[in-house]
Amino acid sequence: MAPRNWSVQDAKNRFSEVVEAARRAPQTVTKHGKPAVVVVGVAEYDRLRRLERVRAPSFADLLLAMPQDEGDFPRDKVRMRDLKL
């Protein structure tokens, strides 16, 4: 069965059918004629989550990707504030 568009009302009235269809292919639910949500089966959802984790860089990857110019950073010439202890 090919993906199908369901109105919210149809999806509510035929929820079991939407669930069964979503096991085979993603089902779009529309509200006021515009796509609102997509219902997918658990296997497809799990596949998308795994794909998301594979593509998401780790914090270490992000740090290692930072530019390293080995140079000095210019400092502004500002007067230090007085501390009263």
PDB file of N, CA and C in Angstrom:
ATOM      1  N   MET A   1       0.848  -1.187   0.000  1.00  0.00           N
ATOM      2  CA  MET A   1       0.000   0.000   0.000  1.00  0.00           C
ATOM      3  C   MET A   1       0.891   1.248   0.000  1.00  0.00           C
ATOM      4  N   ALA A   2       0.576   2.200  -0.818  1.00  0.00           N
ATOM      5  CA  ALA A   2       1.350   3.439  -0.931  1.00  0.00           C
ATOM      6  C   ALA A   2       1.006   4.382   0.220  1.00  0.00           C
ATOM      7  N   PRO A   3       1.892   5.328   0.504  1.00  0.00           N
ATOM      8  CA  PRO A   3       1.574   6.319   1.533  1.00  0.00           C
ATOM      9  C   PRO A   3       0.257   7.013   1.208  1.00  0.00           C
ATOM     10  N   ARG A   4      -0.443   7.410   2.229  1.00  0.00           N
ATOM     11  CA  ARG A   4      -1.766   8.004   2.042  1.00  0.00           C
ATOM     12  C   ARG A   4      -1.909   9.229   2.913  1.00  0.00           C
ATOM     13  N   ASN A   5      -2.721  10.155   2.457  1.00  0.00           N
ATOM     14  CA  ASN A   5      -3.092  11.315   3.266  1.00  0.00           C
ATOM     15  C   ASN A   5      -4.438  11.048   3.916  1.00  0.00           C
ATOM     16  N   TRP A   6      -4.521  11.349   5.207  1.00  0.00           N
ATOM     17  CA  TRP A   6      -5.751  11.187   5.967  1.00  0.00           C
ATOM     18  C   TRP A   6      -6.102  12.537   6.582  1.00  0.00           C
ATOM     19  N   SER A   7      -7.357  12.900   6.559  1.00  0.00           N
ATOM     20  CA  SER A   7      -7.774  14.081   7.316  1.00  0.00           C
ATOM     21  C   SER A   7      -7.765  13.688   8.793  1.00  0.00           C
ATOM     22  N   VAL A   8      -7.703  14.661   9.662  1.00  0.00           N
ATOM     23  CA  VAL A   8      -7.713  14.358  11.101  1.00  0.00           C
ATOM     24  C   VAL A   8      -8.963  13.554  11.453  1.00  0.00           C
ATOM     25  N   GLN A   9     -10.103  13.971  10.921  1.00  0.00           N
ATOM     26  CA  GLN A   9     -11.359  13.278  11.233  1.00  0.00           C
ATOM     27  C   GLN A   9     -11.323  11.829  10.754  1.00  0.00           C
ATOM     28  N   ASP A  10     -10.851  11.605   9.515  1.00  0.00           N
ATOM     29  CA  ASP A  10     -10.747  10.229   9.011  1.00  0.00           C
ATOM     30  C   ASP A  10      -9.767   9.411   9.850  1.00  0.00           C
ATOM     31  N   ALA A  11      -8.642  10.013  10.204  1.00  0.00           N
ATOM     32  CA  ALA A  11      -7.643   9.297  11.009  1.00  0.00           C
ATOM     33  C   ALA A  11      -8.223   8.913  12.367  1.00  0.00           C
ATOM     34  N   LYS A  12      -9.014   9.803  12.962  1.00  0.00           N
ATOM     35  CA  LYS A  12      -9.651   9.489  14.245  1.00  0.00           C
ATOM     36  C   LYS A  12     -10.664   8.358  14.091  1.00  0.00           C
ATOM     37  N   ASN A  13     -11.458   8.439  13.051  1.00  0.00           N
ATOM     38  CA  ASN A  13     -12.516   7.441  12.852  1.00  0.00           C
ATOM     39  C   ASN A  13     -11.977   6.078  12.433  1.00  0.00           C
ATOM     40  N   ARG A  14     -10.809   6.075  11.789  1.00  0.00           N
ATOM     41  CA  ARG A  14     -10.255   4.821  11.256  1.00  0.00           C
ATOM     42  C   ARG A  14      -8.836   4.601  11.770  1.00  0.00           C
ATOM     43  N   PHE A  15      -8.632   4.872  13.051  1.00  0.00           N
ATOM     44  CA  PHE A  15      -7.284   4.838  13.625  1.00  0.00           C
ATOM     45  C   PHE A  15      -6.605   3.480  13.445  1.00  0.00           C
ATOM     46  N   SER A  16      -7.324   2.393  13.640  1.00  0.00           N
ATOM     47  CA  SER A  16      -6.719   1.058  13.462  1.00  0.00           C
ATOM     48  C   SER A  16      -6.200   0.887  12.045  1.00  0.00           C
ATOM     49  N   GLU A  17      -6.942   1.386  11.079  1.00  0.00           N
ATOM     50  CA  GLU A  17      -6.515   1.293   9.683  1.00  0.00           C
ATOM     51  C   GLU A  17      -5.273   2.151   9.437  1.00  0.00           C
ATOM     52  N   VAL A  18      -5.227   3.331  10.052  1.00  0.00           N
ATOM     53  CA  VAL A  18      -4.046   4.200   9.931  1.00  0.00           C
ATOM     54  C   VAL A  18      -2.822   3.493  10.505  1.00  0.00           C
ATOM     55  N   VAL A  19      -2.974   2.879  11.665  1.00  0.00           N
ATOM     56  CA  VAL A  19      -1.862   2.165  12.308  1.00  0.00           C
ATOM     57  C   VAL A  19      -1.382   1.019  11.423  1.00  0.00           C
ATOM     58  N   GLU A  20      -2.287   0.241  10.898  1.00  0.00           N
ATOM     59  CA  GLU A  20      -1.898  -0.879  10.033  1.00  0.00           C
ATOM     60  C   GLU A  20      -1.201  -0.373   8.778  1.00  0.00           C
ATOM     61  N   ALA A  21      -1.709   0.684   8.183  1.00  0.00           N
ATOM     62  CA  ALA A  21      -1.094   1.243   6.984  1.00  0.00           C
ATOM     63  C   ALA A  21       0.292   1.811   7.300  1.00  0.00           C
ATOM     64  N   ALA A  22       0.454   2.398   8.478  1.00  0.00           N
ATOM     65  CA  ALA A  22       1.739   2.991   8.876  1.00  0.00           C
ATOM     66  C   ALA A  22       2.811   1.927   9.060  1.00  0.00           C
ATOM     67  N   ARG A  23       2.408   0.715   9.343  1.00  0.00           N
ATOM     68  CA  ARG A  23       3.385  -0.381   9.445  1.00  0.00           C
ATOM     69  C   ARG A  23       4.021  -0.683   8.096  1.00  0.00           C
ATOM     70  N   ARG A  24       3.301  -0.364   7.020  1.00  0.00           N
ATOM     71  CA  ARG A  24       3.800  -0.619   5.665  1.00  0.00           C
ATOM     72  C   ARG A  24       4.469   0.605   5.056  1.00  0.00           C
ATOM     73  N   ALA A  25       3.922   1.799   5.318  1.00  0.00           N
ATOM     74  CA  ALA A  25       4.462   3.032   4.739  1.00  0.00           C
ATOM     75  C   ALA A  25       4.003   4.214   5.593  1.00  0.00           C
ATOM     76  N   PRO A  26       4.797   5.273   5.664  1.00  0.00           N
ATOM     77  CA  PRO A  26       4.395   6.450   6.440  1.00  0.00           C
ATOM     78  C   PRO A  26       3.047   6.997   5.957  1.00  0.00           C
ATOM     79  N   GLN A  27       2.230   7.433   6.907  1.00  0.00           N
ATOM     80  CA  GLN A  27       0.906   7.977   6.613  1.00  0.00           C
ATOM     81  C   GLN A  27       0.849   9.436   7.072  1.00  0.00           C
ATOM     82  N   THR A  28       0.418  10.304   6.197  1.00  0.00           N
ATOM     83  CA  THR A  28       0.335  11.730   6.522  1.00  0.00           C
ATOM     84  C   THR A  28      -1.072  12.060   6.973  1.00  0.00           C
ATOM     85  N   VAL A  29      -1.161  12.787   8.087  1.00  0.00           N
ATOM     86  CA  VAL A  29      -2.452  13.261   8.581  1.00  0.00           C
ATOM     87  C   VAL A  29      -2.493  14.766   8.342  1.00  0.00           C
ATOM     88  N   THR A  30      -3.562  15.200   7.692  1.00  0.00           N
ATOM     89  CA  THR A  30      -3.685  16.621   7.361  1.00  0.00           C
ATOM     90  C   THR A  30      -4.717  17.299   8.256  1.00  0.00           C
ATOM     91  N   LYS A  31      -4.499  18.578   8.470  1.00  0.00           N
ATOM     92  CA  LYS A  31      -5.451  19.397   9.221  1.00  0.00           C
ATOM     93  C   LYS A  31      -5.717  20.633   8.381  1.00  0.00           C
ATOM     94  N   HIS A  32      -6.960  20.880   8.085  1.00  0.00           N
ATOM     95  CA  HIS A  32      -7.354  21.992   7.209  1.00  0.00           C
ATOM     96  C   HIS A  32      -6.646  21.899   5.863  1.00  0.00           C
ATOM     97  N   GLY A  33      -6.451  20.669   5.380  1.00  0.00           N
ATOM     98  CA  GLY A  33      -5.852  20.443   4.072  1.00  0.00           C
ATOM     99  C   GLY A  33      -4.341  20.538   4.014  1.00  0.00           C
ATOM    100  N   LYS A  34      -3.693  20.812   5.162  1.00  0.00           N
ATOM    101  CA  LYS A  34      -2.233  20.935   5.190  1.00  0.00           C
ATOM    102  C   LYS A  34      -1.643  19.801   6.028  1.00  0.00           C
ATOM    103  N   PRO A  35      -0.488  19.250   5.600  1.00  0.00           N
ATOM    104  CA  PRO A  35       0.135  18.182   6.390  1.00  0.00           C
ATOM    105  C   PRO A  35       0.396  18.642   7.826  1.00  0.00           C
ATOM    106  N   ALA A  36      -0.022  17.813   8.777  1.00  0.00           N
ATOM    107  CA  ALA A  36       0.161  18.146  10.198  1.00  0.00           C
ATOM    108  C   ALA A  36       1.145  17.204  10.868  1.00  0.00           C
ATOM    109  N   VAL A  37       0.971  15.907  10.658  1.00  0.00           N
ATOM    110  CA  VAL A  37       1.859  14.907  11.259  1.00  0.00           C
ATOM    111  C   VAL A  37       2.014  13.736  10.304  1.00  0.00           C
ATOM    112  N   VAL A  38       3.041  12.938  10.571  1.00  0.00           N
ATOM    113  CA  VAL A  38       3.249  11.698   9.824  1.00  0.00           C
ATOM    114  C   VAL A  38       3.280  10.561  10.832  1.00  0.00           C
ATOM    115  N   VAL A  39       2.518   9.535  10.559  1.00  0.00           N
ATOM    116  CA  VAL A  39       2.483   8.350  11.412  1.00  0.00           C
ATOM    117  C   VAL A  39       3.360   7.300  10.740  1.00  0.00           C
ATOM    118  N   VAL A  40       4.345   6.796  11.498  1.00  0.00           N
ATOM    119  CA  VAL A  40       5.249   5.774  10.969  1.00  0.00           C
ATOM    120  C   VAL A  40       5.252   4.575  11.905  1.00  0.00           C
ATOM    121  N   GLY A  41       5.607   3.441  11.355  1.00  0.00           N
ATOM    122  CA  GLY A  41       5.727   2.234  12.147  1.00  0.00           C
ATOM    123  C   GLY A  41       6.954   2.293  13.052  1.00  0.00           C
ATOM    124  N   VAL A  42       6.980   1.445  14.047  1.00  0.00           N
ATOM    125  CA  VAL A  42       8.084   1.418  15.008  1.00  0.00           C
ATOM    126  C   VAL A  42       9.412   1.115  14.321  1.00  0.00           C
ATOM    127  N   ALA A  43       9.415   0.203  13.374  1.00  0.00           N
ATOM    128  CA  ALA A  43      10.670  -0.153  12.694  1.00  0.00           C
ATOM    129  C   ALA A  43      11.250   1.062  11.966  1.00  0.00           C
ATOM    130  N   GLU A  44      10.395   1.825  11.293  1.00  0.00           N
ATOM    131  CA  GLU A  44      10.862   3.019  10.574  1.00  0.00           C
ATOM    132  C   GLU A  44      11.338   4.091  11.564  1.00  0.00           C
ATOM    133  N   TYR A  45      10.605   4.254  12.653  1.00  0.00           N
ATOM    134  CA  TYR A  45      11.001   5.226  13.676  1.00  0.00           C
ATOM    135  C   TYR A  45      12.369   4.859  14.255  1.00  0.00           C
ATOM    136  N   ASP A  46      12.570   3.594  14.581  1.00  0.00           N
ATOM    137  CA  ASP A  46      13.857   3.136  15.119  1.00  0.00           C
ATOM    138  C   ASP A  46      14.981   3.366  14.110  1.00  0.00           C
ATOM    139  N   ARG A  47      14.703   3.095  12.833  1.00  0.00           N
ATOM    140  CA  ARG A  47      15.710   3.317  11.788  1.00  0.00           C
ATOM    141  C   ARG A  47      16.093   4.793  11.709  1.00  0.00           C
ATOM    142  N   LEU A  48      15.114   5.666  11.775  1.00  0.00           N
ATOM    143  CA  LEU A  48      15.391   7.107  11.725  1.00  0.00           C
ATOM    144  C   LEU A  48      16.181   7.572  12.943  1.00  0.00           C
ATOM    145  N   ARG A  49      15.859   7.027  14.100  1.00  0.00           N
ATOM    146  CA  ARG A  49      16.599   7.396  15.329  1.00  0.00           C
ATOM    147  C   ARG A  49      18.059   6.950  15.232  1.00  0.00           C
ATOM    148  N   ARG A  50      18.289   5.727  14.738  1.00  0.00           N
ATOM    149  CA  ARG A  50      19.667   5.248  14.578  1.00  0.00           C
ATOM    150  C   ARG A  50      20.424   6.133  13.593  1.00  0.00           C
ATOM    151  N   LEU A  51      19.788   6.473  12.505  1.00  0.00           N
ATOM    152  CA  LEU A  51      20.403   7.336  11.497  1.00  0.00           C
ATOM    153  C   LEU A  51      20.755   8.696  12.082  1.00  0.00           C
ATOM    154  N   GLU A  52      19.877   9.228  12.910  1.00  0.00           N
ATOM    155  CA  GLU A  52      20.118  10.520  13.572  1.00  0.00           C
ATOM    156  C   GLU A  52      21.340  10.434  14.482  1.00  0.00           C
ATOM    157  N   ARG A  53      21.457   9.350  15.241  1.00  0.00           N
ATOM    158  CA  ARG A  53      22.594   9.197  16.156  1.00  0.00           C
ATOM    159  C   ARG A  53      23.903   9.027  15.399  1.00  0.00           C
ATOM    160  N   VAL A  54      23.860   8.331  14.263  1.00  0.00           N
ATOM    161  CA  VAL A  54      25.069   8.112  13.469  1.00  0.00           C
ATOM    162  C   VAL A  54      25.576   9.432  12.908  1.00  0.00           C
ATOM    163  N   ARG A  55      24.682  10.287  12.486  1.00  0.00           N
ATOM    164  CA  ARG A  55      25.065  11.542  11.849  1.00  0.00           C
ATOM    165  C   ARG A  55      25.381  12.655  12.840  1.00  0.00           C
ATOM    166  N   ALA A  56      24.920  12.543  14.067  1.00  0.00           N
ATOM    167  CA  ALA A  56      25.142  13.598  15.053  1.00  0.00           C
ATOM    168  C   ALA A  56      26.581  13.522  15.563  1.00  0.00           C
ATOM    169  N   PRO A  57      27.340  14.613  15.437  1.00  0.00           N
ATOM    170  CA  PRO A  57      28.717  14.586  15.931  1.00  0.00           C
ATOM    171  C   PRO A  57      28.744  14.579  17.463  1.00  0.00           C
ATOM    172  N   SER A  58      29.752  13.952  18.012  1.00  0.00           N
ATOM    173  CA  SER A  58      29.902  13.946  19.464  1.00  0.00           C
ATOM    174  C   SER A  58      30.488  15.286  19.907  1.00  0.00           C
ATOM    175  N   PHE A  59      30.433  15.545  21.186  1.00  0.00           N
ATOM    176  CA  PHE A  59      31.005  16.777  21.725  1.00  0.00           C
ATOM    177  C   PHE A  59      32.501  16.829  21.425  1.00  0.00           C
ATOM    178  N   ALA A  60      33.178  15.694  21.557  1.00  0.00           N
ATOM    179  CA  ALA A  60      34.618  15.637  21.267  1.00  0.00           C
ATOM    180  C   ALA A  60      34.888  15.973  19.801  1.00  0.00           C
ATOM    181  N   ASP A  61      34.045  15.459  18.891  1.00  0.00           N
ATOM    182  CA  ASP A  61      34.215  15.784  17.471  1.00  0.00           C
ATOM    183  C   ASP A  61      34.085  17.277  17.221  1.00  0.00           C
ATOM    184  N   LEU A  62      33.118  17.890  17.887  1.00  0.00           N
ATOM    185  CA  LEU A  62      32.921  19.332  17.735  1.00  0.00           C
ATOM    186  C   LEU A  62      34.137  20.108  18.240  1.00  0.00           C
ATOM    187  N   LEU A  63      34.678  19.689  19.382  1.00  0.00           N
ATOM    188  CA  LEU A  63      35.856  20.376  19.924  1.00  0.00           C
ATOM    189  C   LEU A  63      37.062  20.209  19.005  1.00  0.00           C
ATOM    190  N   LEU A  64      37.235  19.008  18.483  1.00  0.00           N
ATOM    191  CA  LEU A  64      38.379  18.762  17.605  1.00  0.00           C
ATOM    192  C   LEU A  64      38.245  19.488  16.269  1.00  0.00           C
ATOM    193  N   ALA A  65      37.047  19.840  15.890  1.00  0.00           N
ATOM    194  CA  ALA A  65      36.824  20.545  14.621  1.00  0.00           C
ATOM    195  C   ALA A  65      37.057  22.046  14.743  1.00  0.00           C
ATOM    196  N   MET A  66      37.271  22.528  15.952  1.00  0.00           N
ATOM    197  CA  MET A  66      37.495  23.964  16.128  1.00  0.00           C
ATOM    198  C   MET A  66      38.811  24.367  15.474  1.00  0.00           C
ATOM    199  N   PRO A  67      38.860  25.551  14.891  1.00  0.00           N
ATOM    200  CA  PRO A  67      40.115  26.004  14.270  1.00  0.00           C
ATOM    201  C   PRO A  67      41.225  26.127  15.313  1.00  0.00           C
ATOM    202  N   GLN A  68      42.400  25.723  14.918  1.00  0.00           N
ATOM    203  CA  GLN A  68      43.560  25.812  15.807  1.00  0.00           C
ATOM    204  C   GLN A  68      44.646  26.563  15.063  1.00  0.00           C
ATOM    205  N   ASP A  69      44.799  27.846  15.405  1.00  0.00           N
ATOM    206  CA  ASP A  69      45.788  28.634  14.674  1.00  0.00           C
ATOM    207  C   ASP A  69      47.103  28.761  15.433  1.00  0.00           C
ATOM    208  N   GLU A  70      47.146  28.228  16.649  1.00  0.00           N
ATOM    209  CA  GLU A  70      48.361  28.240  17.462  1.00  0.00           C
ATOM    210  C   GLU A  70      48.903  29.648  17.716  1.00  0.00           C
ATOM    211  N   GLY A  71      48.147  30.661  17.401  1.00  0.00           N
ATOM    212  CA  GLY A  71      48.613  32.032  17.582  1.00  0.00           C
ATOM    213  C   GLY A  71      48.150  32.617  18.903  1.00  0.00           C
ATOM    214  N   ASP A  72      48.659  33.802  19.197  1.00  0.00           N
ATOM    215  CA  ASP A  72      48.237  34.519  20.394  1.00  0.00           C
ATOM    216  C   ASP A  72      46.965  35.293  20.090  1.00  0.00           C
ATOM    217  N   PHE A  73      46.136  35.403  21.091  1.00  0.00           N
ATOM    218  CA  PHE A  73      44.929  36.196  20.949  1.00  0.00           C
ATOM    219  C   PHE A  73      45.218  37.606  21.443  1.00  0.00           C
ATOM    220  N   PRO A  74      44.833  38.622  20.692  1.00  0.00           N
ATOM    221  CA  PRO A  74      45.071  39.991  21.154  1.00  0.00           C
ATOM    222  C   PRO A  74      44.220  40.280  22.388  1.00  0.00           C
ATOM    223  N   ARG A  75      44.791  40.979  23.326  1.00  0.00           N
ATOM    224  CA  ARG A  75      44.069  41.342  24.539  1.00  0.00           C
ATOM    225  C   ARG A  75      43.802  42.828  24.527  1.00  0.00           C
ATOM    226  N   ASP A  76      42.630  43.182  24.998  1.00  0.00           N
ATOM    227  CA  ASP A  76      42.304  44.599  25.120  1.00  0.00           C
ATOM    228  C   ASP A  76      43.091  45.190  26.278  1.00  0.00           C
ATOM    229  N   LYS A  77      43.480  46.439  26.118  1.00  0.00           N
ATOM    230  CA  LYS A  77      44.197  47.133  27.189  1.00  0.00           C
ATOM    231  C   LYS A  77      43.150  47.810  28.072  1.00  0.00           C
ATOM    232  N   VAL A  78      42.824  47.173  29.146  1.00  0.00           N
ATOM    233  CA  VAL A  78      41.832  47.705  30.085  1.00  0.00           C
ATOM    234  C   VAL A  78      42.430  47.754  31.486  1.00  0.00           C
ATOM    235  N   ARG A  79      41.950  48.681  32.254  1.00  0.00           N
ATOM    236  CA  ARG A  79      42.430  48.797  33.621  1.00  0.00           C
ATOM    237  C   ARG A  79      41.671  47.819  34.486  1.00  0.00           C
ATOM    238  N   MET A  80      42.399  47.106  35.337  1.00  0.00           N
ATOM    239  CA  MET A  80      41.779  46.155  36.253  1.00  0.00           C
ATOM    240  C   MET A  80      40.977  46.929  37.292  1.00  0.00           C
ATOM    241  N   ARG A  81      39.899  46.377  37.723  1.00  0.00           N
ATOM    242  CA  ARG A  81      39.096  47.068  38.741  1.00  0.00           C
ATOM    243  C   ARG A  81      39.723  46.876  40.119  1.00  0.00           C
ATOM    244  N   ASP A  82      39.455  47.801  40.993  1.00  0.00           N
ATOM    245  CA  ASP A  82      39.965  47.732  42.360  1.00  0.00           C
ATOM    246  C   ASP A  82      39.061  46.823  43.186  1.00  0.00           C
ATOM    247  N   LEU A  83      39.685  45.931  43.921  1.00  0.00           N
ATOM    248  CA  LEU A  83      38.922  45.041  44.794  1.00  0.00           C
ATOM    249  C   LEU A  83      39.112  45.477  46.230  1.00  0.00           C
ATOM    250  N   LYS A  84      38.051  45.589  46.948  1.00  0.00           N
ATOM    251  CA  LYS A  84      38.143  45.921  48.370  1.00  0.00           C
ATOM    252  C   LYS A  84      37.920  44.629  49.151  1.00  0.00           C
ATOM    253  N   LEU A  85      38.946  44.235  49.856  1.00  0.00           N
ATOM    254  CA  LEU A  85      38.846  42.996  50.636  1.00  0.00           C
ATOM    255  C   LEU A  85      38.573  43.271  52.075  1.00  0.00           C
TER     256      LEU A  85
END
